[in-house]
PDB file of N, CA and C in Angstrom:
ATOM      1  N   MET A   1     -95.067 -91.274 123.439  1.00  0.00           N
ATOM      2  CA  MET A   1     -94.909 -90.372 124.557  1.00  0.00           C
ATOM      3  C   MET A   1     -93.424 -90.373 124.944  1.00  0.00           C
ATOM      4  N   TYR A   2     -92.884 -89.194 125.124  1.00  0.00           N
ATOM      5  CA  TYR A   2     -91.482 -89.051 125.471  1.00  0.00           C
ATOM      6  C   TYR A   2     -91.257 -88.860 126.963  1.00  0.00           C
ATOM      7  N   PHE A   3     -92.218 -88.304 127.641  1.00  0.00           N
ATOM      8  CA  PHE A   3     -91.990 -87.922 129.031  1.00  0.00           C
ATOM      9  C   PHE A   3     -93.320 -87.780 129.742  1.00  0.00           C
ATOM     10  N   SER A   4     -93.404 -88.322 130.939  1.00  0.00           N
ATOM     11  CA  SER A   4     -94.582 -88.058 131.758  1.00  0.00           C
ATOM     12  C   SER A   4     -94.123 -87.871 133.200  1.00  0.00           C
ATOM     13  N   ARG A   5     -94.897 -87.114 133.932  1.00  0.00           N
ATOM     14  CA  ARG A   5     -94.515 -86.794 135.307  1.00  0.00           C
ATOM     15  C   ARG A   5     -95.760 -86.396 136.074  1.00  0.00           C
ATOM     16  N   ASP A   6     -95.831 -86.826 137.316  1.00  0.00           N
ATOM     17  CA  ASP A   6     -96.911 -86.393 138.201  1.00  0.00           C
ATOM     18  C   ASP A   6     -96.431 -85.186 138.989  1.00  0.00           C
ATOM     19  N   ILE A   7     -97.282 -84.216 139.101  1.00  0.00           N
ATOM     20  CA  ILE A   7     -97.007 -83.051 139.931  1.00  0.00           C
ATOM     21  C   ILE A   7     -98.024 -83.092 141.065  1.00  0.00           C
ATOM     22  N   ALA A   8     -97.513 -83.192 142.281  1.00  0.00           N
ATOM     23  CA  ALA A   8     -98.380 -83.395 143.437  1.00  0.00           C
ATOM     24  C   ALA A   8     -98.939 -82.082 143.981  1.00  0.00           C
ATOM     25  N   LEU A   9     -99.535 -81.310 143.109  1.00  0.00           N
ATOM     26  CA  LEU A   9    -100.222 -80.081 143.497  1.00  0.00           C
ATOM     27  C   LEU A   9    -101.566 -80.081 142.798  1.00  0.00           C
ATOM     28  N   GLY A  10    -102.581 -79.650 143.499  1.00  0.00           N
ATOM     29  CA  GLY A  10    -103.891 -79.612 142.876  1.00  0.00           C
ATOM     30  C   GLY A  10    -104.822 -78.657 143.578  1.00  0.00           C
ATOM     31  N   GLY A  11    -106.076 -78.806 143.285  1.00  0.00           N
ATOM     32  CA  GLY A  11    -107.091 -77.904 143.809  1.00  0.00           C
ATOM     33  C   GLY A  11    -107.130 -77.839 145.323  1.00  0.00           C
ATOM     34  N   SER A  12    -106.873 -78.965 145.972  1.00  0.00           N
ATOM     35  CA  SER A  12    -106.909 -78.965 147.438  1.00  0.00           C
ATOM     36  C   SER A  12    -105.787 -78.108 148.025  1.00  0.00           C
ATOM     37  N   ASP A  13    -104.666 -78.004 147.318  1.00  0.00           N
ATOM     38  CA  ASP A  13    -103.577 -77.144 147.789  1.00  0.00           C
ATOM     39  C   ASP A  13    -103.976 -75.673 147.722  1.00  0.00           C
ATOM     40  N   PHE A  14    -104.693 -75.309 146.678  1.00  0.00           N
ATOM     41  CA  PHE A  14    -105.177 -73.938 146.555  1.00  0.00           C
ATOM     42  C   PHE A  14    -106.225 -73.644 147.640  1.00  0.00           C
ATOM     43  N   THR A  15    -107.113 -74.620 147.863  1.00  0.00           N
ATOM     44  CA  THR A  15    -108.133 -74.457 148.901  1.00  0.00           C
ATOM     45  C   THR A  15    -107.487 -74.310 150.275  1.00  0.00           C
ATOM     46  N   SER A  16    -106.488 -75.129 150.549  1.00  0.00           N
ATOM     47  CA  SER A  16    -105.799 -75.061 151.841  1.00  0.00           C
ATOM     48  C   SER A  16    -105.108 -73.720 152.041  1.00  0.00           C
ATOM     49  N   ALA A  17    -104.519 -73.194 150.982  1.00  0.00           N
ATOM     50  CA  ALA A  17    -103.851 -71.888 151.078  1.00  0.00           C
ATOM     51  C   ALA A  17    -104.858 -70.793 151.415  1.00  0.00           C
ATOM     52  N   ILE A  18    -106.017 -70.836 150.783  1.00  0.00           N
ATOM     53  CA  ILE A  18    -107.068 -69.852 151.065  1.00  0.00           C
ATOM     54  C   ILE A  18    -107.543 -70.000 152.503  1.00  0.00           C
ATOM     55  N   SER A  19    -107.788 -71.226 152.916  1.00  0.00           N
ATOM     56  CA  SER A  19    -108.262 -71.497 154.267  1.00  0.00           C
ATOM     57  C   SER A  19    -107.273 -70.983 155.309  1.00  0.00           C
ATOM     58  N   ARG A  20    -106.011 -71.313 155.111  1.00  0.00           N
ATOM     59  CA  ARG A  20    -104.965 -70.940 156.059  1.00  0.00           C
ATOM     60  C   ARG A  20    -104.777 -69.430 156.132  1.00  0.00           C
ATOM     61  N   LYS A  21    -104.682 -68.789 154.982  1.00  0.00           N
ATOM     62  CA  LYS A  21    -104.379 -67.364 154.957  1.00  0.00           C
ATOM     63  C   LYS A  21    -105.554 -66.476 155.350  1.00  0.00           C
ATOM     64  N   LEU A  22    -106.775 -66.935 155.093  1.00  0.00           N
ATOM     65  CA  LEU A  22    -107.940 -66.141 155.472  1.00  0.00           C
ATOM     66  C   LEU A  22    -108.539 -66.583 156.805  1.00  0.00           C
ATOM     67  N   GLY A  23    -108.012 -67.683 157.356  1.00  0.00           N
ATOM     68  CA  GLY A  23    -108.507 -68.164 158.635  1.00  0.00           C
ATOM     69  C   GLY A  23    -109.937 -68.675 158.587  1.00  0.00           C
ATOM     70  N   ILE A  24    -110.270 -69.364 157.487  1.00  0.00           N
ATOM     71  CA  ILE A  24    -111.620 -69.915 157.335  1.00  0.00           C
ATOM     72  C   ILE A  24    -111.524 -71.427 157.165  1.00  0.00           C
ATOM     73  N   ASP A  25    -112.644 -72.122 157.345  1.00  0.00           N
ATOM     74  CA  ASP A  25    -112.641 -73.580 157.209  1.00  0.00           C
ATOM     75  C   ASP A  25    -112.501 -73.985 155.732  1.00  0.00           C
ATOM     76  N   GLN A  26    -112.159 -75.253 155.526  1.00  0.00           N
ATOM     77  CA  GLN A  26    -111.923 -75.774 154.170  1.00  0.00           C
ATOM     78  C   GLN A  26    -113.149 -75.645 153.264  1.00  0.00           C
ATOM     79  N   GLU A  27    -114.318 -75.909 153.807  1.00  0.00           N
ATOM     80  CA  GLU A  27    -115.541 -75.836 152.999  1.00  0.00           C
ATOM     81  C   GLU A  27    -115.794 -74.408 152.503  1.00  0.00           C
ATOM     82  N   SER A  28    -115.612 -73.431 153.385  1.00  0.00           N
ATOM     83  CA  SER A  28    -115.796 -72.027 152.994  1.00  0.00           C
ATOM     84  C   SER A  28    -114.729 -71.606 151.988  1.00  0.00           C
ATOM     85  N   ALA A  29    -113.505 -72.104 152.197  1.00  0.00           N
ATOM     86  CA  ALA A  29    -112.412 -71.777 151.286  1.00  0.00           C
ATOM     87  C   ALA A  29    -112.668 -72.354 149.891  1.00  0.00           C
ATOM     88  N   GLU A  30    -113.194 -73.565 149.835  1.00  0.00           N
ATOM     89  CA  GLU A  30    -113.515 -74.193 148.548  1.00  0.00           C
ATOM     90  C   GLU A  30    -114.582 -73.385 147.811  1.00  0.00           C
ATOM     91  N   LYS A  31    -115.606 -72.969 148.523  1.00  0.00           N
ATOM     92  CA  LYS A  31    -116.657 -72.156 147.905  1.00  0.00           C
ATOM     93  C   LYS A  31    -116.096 -70.825 147.400  1.00  0.00           C
ATOM     94  N   LEU A  32    -115.239 -70.228 148.205  1.00  0.00           N
ATOM     95  CA  LEU A  32    -114.637 -68.951 147.822  1.00  0.00           C
ATOM     96  C   LEU A  32    -113.719 -69.119 146.608  1.00  0.00           C
ATOM     97  N   LYS A  33    -113.007 -70.226 146.566  1.00  0.00           N
ATOM     98  CA  LYS A  33    -112.120 -70.507 145.429  1.00  0.00           C
ATOM     99  C   LYS A  33    -112.920 -70.628 144.133  1.00  0.00           C
ATOM    100  N   LEU A  34    -114.031 -71.321 144.201  1.00  0.00           N
ATOM    101  CA  LEU A  34    -114.835 -71.555 142.999  1.00  0.00           C
ATOM    102  C   LEU A  34    -115.672 -70.354 142.585  1.00  0.00           C
ATOM    103  N   HIS A  35    -116.133 -69.578 143.579  1.00  0.00           N
ATOM    104  CA  HIS A  35    -117.021 -68.453 143.280  1.00  0.00           C
ATOM    105  C   HIS A  35    -116.682 -67.250 144.161  1.00  0.00           C
ATOM    106  N   PRO A  36    -115.531 -66.627 143.922  1.00  0.00           N
ATOM    107  CA  PRO A  36    -115.180 -65.470 144.762  1.00  0.00           C
ATOM    108  C   PRO A  36    -116.069 -64.266 144.429  1.00  0.00           C
ATOM    109  N   SER A  37    -116.481 -63.576 145.455  1.00  0.00           N
ATOM    110  CA  SER A  37    -117.244 -62.349 145.226  1.00  0.00           C
ATOM    111  C   SER A  37    -116.269 -61.282 144.727  1.00  0.00           C
ATOM    112  N   LYS A  38    -116.796 -60.265 144.097  1.00  0.00           N
ATOM    113  CA  LYS A  38    -115.944 -59.199 143.535  1.00  0.00           C
ATOM    114  C   LYS A  38    -115.025 -58.593 144.592  1.00  0.00           C
ATOM    115  N   ASP A  39    -115.523 -58.435 145.803  1.00  0.00           N
ATOM    116  CA  ASP A  39    -114.712 -57.810 146.849  1.00  0.00           C
ATOM    117  C   ASP A  39    -113.676 -58.759 147.446  1.00  0.00           C
ATOM    118  N   LYS A  40    -113.752 -60.062 147.133  1.00  0.00           N
ATOM    119  CA  LYS A  40    -112.792 -61.047 147.659  1.00  0.00           C
ATOM    120  C   LYS A  40    -111.815 -61.559 146.600  1.00  0.00           C
ATOM    121  N   GLU A  41    -112.003 -61.193 145.326  1.00  0.00           N
ATOM    122  CA  GLU A  41    -111.145 -61.713 144.265  1.00  0.00           C
ATOM    123  C   GLU A  41    -109.668 -61.452 144.529  1.00  0.00           C
ATOM    124  N   ALA A  42    -109.332 -60.231 144.900  1.00  0.00           N
ATOM    125  CA  ALA A  42    -107.927 -59.882 145.147  1.00  0.00           C
ATOM    126  C   ALA A  42    -107.365 -60.676 146.318  1.00  0.00           C
ATOM    127  N   ASP A  43    -108.171 -60.875 147.362  1.00  0.00           N
ATOM    128  CA  ASP A  43    -107.727 -61.657 148.516  1.00  0.00           C
ATOM    129  C   ASP A  43    -107.446 -63.103 148.121  1.00  0.00           C
ATOM    130  N   VAL A  44    -108.342 -63.685 147.325  1.00  0.00           N
ATOM    131  CA  VAL A  44    -108.175 -65.068 146.887  1.00  0.00           C
ATOM    132  C   VAL A  44    -106.914 -65.187 146.029  1.00  0.00           C
ATOM    133  N   LEU A  45    -106.732 -64.265 145.098  1.00  0.00           N
ATOM    134  CA  LEU A  45    -105.533 -64.303 144.256  1.00  0.00           C
ATOM    135  C   LEU A  45    -104.262 -64.182 145.093  1.00  0.00           C
ATOM    136  N   ASP A  46    -104.284 -63.331 146.083  1.00  0.00           N
ATOM    137  CA  ASP A  46    -103.129 -63.178 146.958  1.00  0.00           C
ATOM    138  C   ASP A  46    -102.843 -64.477 147.720  1.00  0.00           C
ATOM    139  N   CYS A  47    -103.893 -65.146 148.151  1.00  0.00           N
ATOM    140  CA  CYS A  47    -103.743 -66.395 148.898  1.00  0.00           C
ATOM    141  C   CYS A  47    -103.136 -67.516 148.059  1.00  0.00           C
ATOM    142  N   VAL A  48    -103.524 -67.600 146.802  1.00  0.00           N
ATOM    143  CA  VAL A  48    -103.083 -68.730 145.968  1.00  0.00           C
ATOM    144  C   VAL A  48    -101.821 -68.433 145.174  1.00  0.00           C
ATOM    145  N   LYS A  49    -101.328 -67.228 145.254  1.00  0.00           N
ATOM    146  CA  LYS A  49    -100.152 -66.848 144.466  1.00  0.00           C
ATOM    147  C   LYS A  49     -98.959 -67.781 144.724  1.00  0.00           C
ATOM    148  N   GLY A  50     -98.678 -68.080 145.969  1.00  0.00           N
ATOM    149  CA  GLY A  50     -97.552 -68.953 146.299  1.00  0.00           C
ATOM    150  C   GLY A  50     -97.725 -70.358 145.763  1.00  0.00           C
ATOM    151  N   THR A  51     -98.929 -70.901 145.892  1.00  0.00           N
ATOM    152  CA  THR A  51     -99.216 -72.247 145.396  1.00  0.00           C
ATOM    153  C   THR A  51     -99.132 -72.275 143.873  1.00  0.00           C
ATOM    154  N   PHE A  52     -99.646 -71.238 143.239  1.00  0.00           N
ATOM    155  CA  PHE A  52     -99.567 -71.167 141.783  1.00  0.00           C
ATOM    156  C   PHE A  52     -98.107 -71.094 141.332  1.00  0.00           C
ATOM    157  N   ASN A  53     -97.292 -70.325 142.037  1.00  0.00           N
ATOM    158  CA  ASN A  53     -95.871 -70.238 141.693  1.00  0.00           C
ATOM    159  C   ASN A  53     -95.170 -71.579 141.884  1.00  0.00           C
ATOM    160  N   ASP A  54     -95.559 -72.338 142.913  1.00  0.00           N
ATOM    161  CA  ASP A  54     -95.007 -73.678 143.108  1.00  0.00           C
ATOM    162  C   ASP A  54     -95.351 -74.579 141.924  1.00  0.00           C
ATOM    163  N   LEU A  55     -96.594 -74.508 141.475  1.00  0.00           N
ATOM    164  CA  LEU A  55     -97.028 -75.297 140.328  1.00  0.00           C
ATOM    165  C   LEU A  55     -96.260 -74.886 139.073  1.00  0.00           C
ATOM    166  N   LEU A  56     -96.122 -73.602 138.874  1.00  0.00           N
ATOM    167  CA  LEU A  56     -95.383 -73.101 137.721  1.00  0.00           C
ATOM    168  C   LEU A  56     -93.931 -73.564 137.752  1.00  0.00           C
ATOM    169  N   ASP A  57     -93.309 -73.542 138.921  1.00  0.00           N
ATOM    170  CA  ASP A  57     -91.932 -74.019 139.052  1.00  0.00           C
ATOM    171  C   ASP A  57     -91.814 -75.489 138.666  1.00  0.00           C
ATOM    172  N   GLU A  58     -92.786 -76.295 139.068  1.00  0.00           N
ATOM    173  CA  GLU A  58     -92.770 -77.713 138.720  1.00  0.00           C
ATOM    174  C   GLU A  58     -92.903 -77.926 137.209  1.00  0.00           C
ATOM    175  N   VAL A  59     -93.755 -77.143 136.576  1.00  0.00           N
ATOM    176  CA  VAL A  59     -93.911 -77.244 135.119  1.00  0.00           C
ATOM    177  C   VAL A  59     -92.613 -76.826 134.429  1.00  0.00           C
ATOM    178  N   LYS A  60     -91.988 -75.755 134.922  1.00  0.00           N
ATOM    179  CA  LYS A  60     -90.709 -75.313 134.358  1.00  0.00           C
ATOM    180  C   LYS A  60     -89.641 -76.391 134.505  1.00  0.00           C
ATOM    181  N   LEU A  61     -89.608 -77.067 135.662  1.00  0.00           N
ATOM    182  CA  LEU A  61     -88.653 -78.159 135.856  1.00  0.00           C
ATOM    183  C   LEU A  61     -88.876 -79.271 134.832  1.00  0.00           C
ATOM    184  N   SER A  62     -90.147 -79.567 134.570  1.00  0.00           N
ATOM    185  CA  SER A  62     -90.467 -80.606 133.591  1.00  0.00           C
ATOM    186  C   SER A  62     -89.971 -80.225 132.201  1.00  0.00           C
ATOM    187  N   PHE A  63     -90.219 -78.985 131.793  1.00  0.00           N
ATOM    188  CA  PHE A  63     -89.734 -78.540 130.489  1.00  0.00           C
ATOM    189  C   PHE A  63     -88.207 -78.520 130.452  1.00  0.00           C
ATOM    190  N   GLY A  64     -87.604 -78.076 131.541  1.00  0.00           N
ATOM    191  CA  GLY A  64     -86.145 -78.048 131.611  1.00  0.00           C
ATOM    192  C   GLY A  64     -85.547 -79.435 131.453  1.00  0.00           C
ATOM    193  N   TYR A  65     -86.155 -80.428 132.097  1.00  0.00           N
ATOM    194  CA  TYR A  65     -85.691 -81.801 131.972  1.00  0.00           C
ATOM    195  C   TYR A  65     -85.810 -82.275 130.535  1.00  0.00           C
ATOM    196  N   TYR A  66     -86.932 -82.012 129.927  1.00  0.00           N
ATOM    197  CA  TYR A  66     -87.176 -82.473 128.567  1.00  0.00           C
ATOM    198  C   TYR A  66     -86.241 -81.799 127.568  1.00  0.00           C
ATOM    199  N   GLU A  67     -85.929 -80.526 127.783  1.00  0.00           N
ATOM    200  CA  GLU A  67     -85.126 -79.773 126.832  1.00  0.00           C
ATOM    201  C   GLU A  67     -83.631 -80.012 126.959  1.00  0.00           C
ATOM    202  N   LYS A  68     -83.161 -80.498 128.104  1.00  0.00           N
ATOM    203  CA  LYS A  68     -81.721 -80.708 128.249  1.00  0.00           C
ATOM    204  C   LYS A  68     -81.281 -81.926 127.457  1.00  0.00           C
ATOM    205  N   PRO A  69     -80.020 -81.966 127.044  1.00  0.00           N
ATOM    206  CA  PRO A  69     -79.570 -83.067 126.191  1.00  0.00           C
ATOM    207  C   PRO A  69     -79.909 -84.453 126.722  1.00  0.00           C
ATOM    208  N   GLY A  70     -79.727 -84.954 127.784  1.00  0.00           N
ATOM    209  CA  GLY A  70     -80.076 -86.318 128.185  1.00  0.00           C
ATOM    210  C   GLY A  70     -81.559 -86.546 128.374  1.00  0.00           C
ATOM    211  N   GLY A  71     -82.359 -85.499 128.407  1.00  0.00           N
ATOM    212  CA  GLY A  71     -83.777 -85.632 128.682  1.00  0.00           C
ATOM    213  C   GLY A  71     -84.629 -85.944 127.476  1.00  0.00           C
ATOM    214  N   GLN A  72     -84.066 -85.873 126.272  1.00  0.00           N
ATOM    215  CA  GLN A  72     -84.846 -86.110 125.061  1.00  0.00           C
ATOM    216  C   GLN A  72     -84.750 -87.569 124.656  1.00  0.00           C
ATOM    217  N   ARG A  73     -85.273 -88.423 125.473  1.00  0.00           N
ATOM    218  CA  ARG A  73     -85.208 -89.854 125.222  1.00  0.00           C
ATOM    219  C   ARG A  73     -86.193 -90.231 124.099  1.00  0.00           C
ATOM    220  N   GLY A  74     -85.814 -91.212 123.337  1.00  0.00           N
ATOM    221  CA  GLY A  74     -86.691 -91.712 122.297  1.00  0.00           C
ATOM    222  C   GLY A  74     -86.609 -90.973 120.983  1.00  0.00           C
ATOM    223  N   ARG A  75     -85.729 -90.015 120.870  1.00  0.00           N
ATOM    224  CA  ARG A  75     -85.615 -89.275 119.614  1.00  0.00           C
ATOM    225  C   ARG A  75     -84.453 -89.753 118.814  1.00  0.00           C
TER     226      ARG A  75
END
């Protein structure tokens, strides 16, 4: 293994974003996240877009670290 990293984002962050943006409790947000109705899919996607982008940024940072010259340890 050349590189490992924890990213402190997960399902609860997505649930919290849905809860906050739709003004619903965590339990309802979790259910909506797992099984959105057809009429709520766009709303759910809109709610989690920011959290998903945060996760994507973290993954990009990890790849950037690994690809830069000092980051390729063990090779």
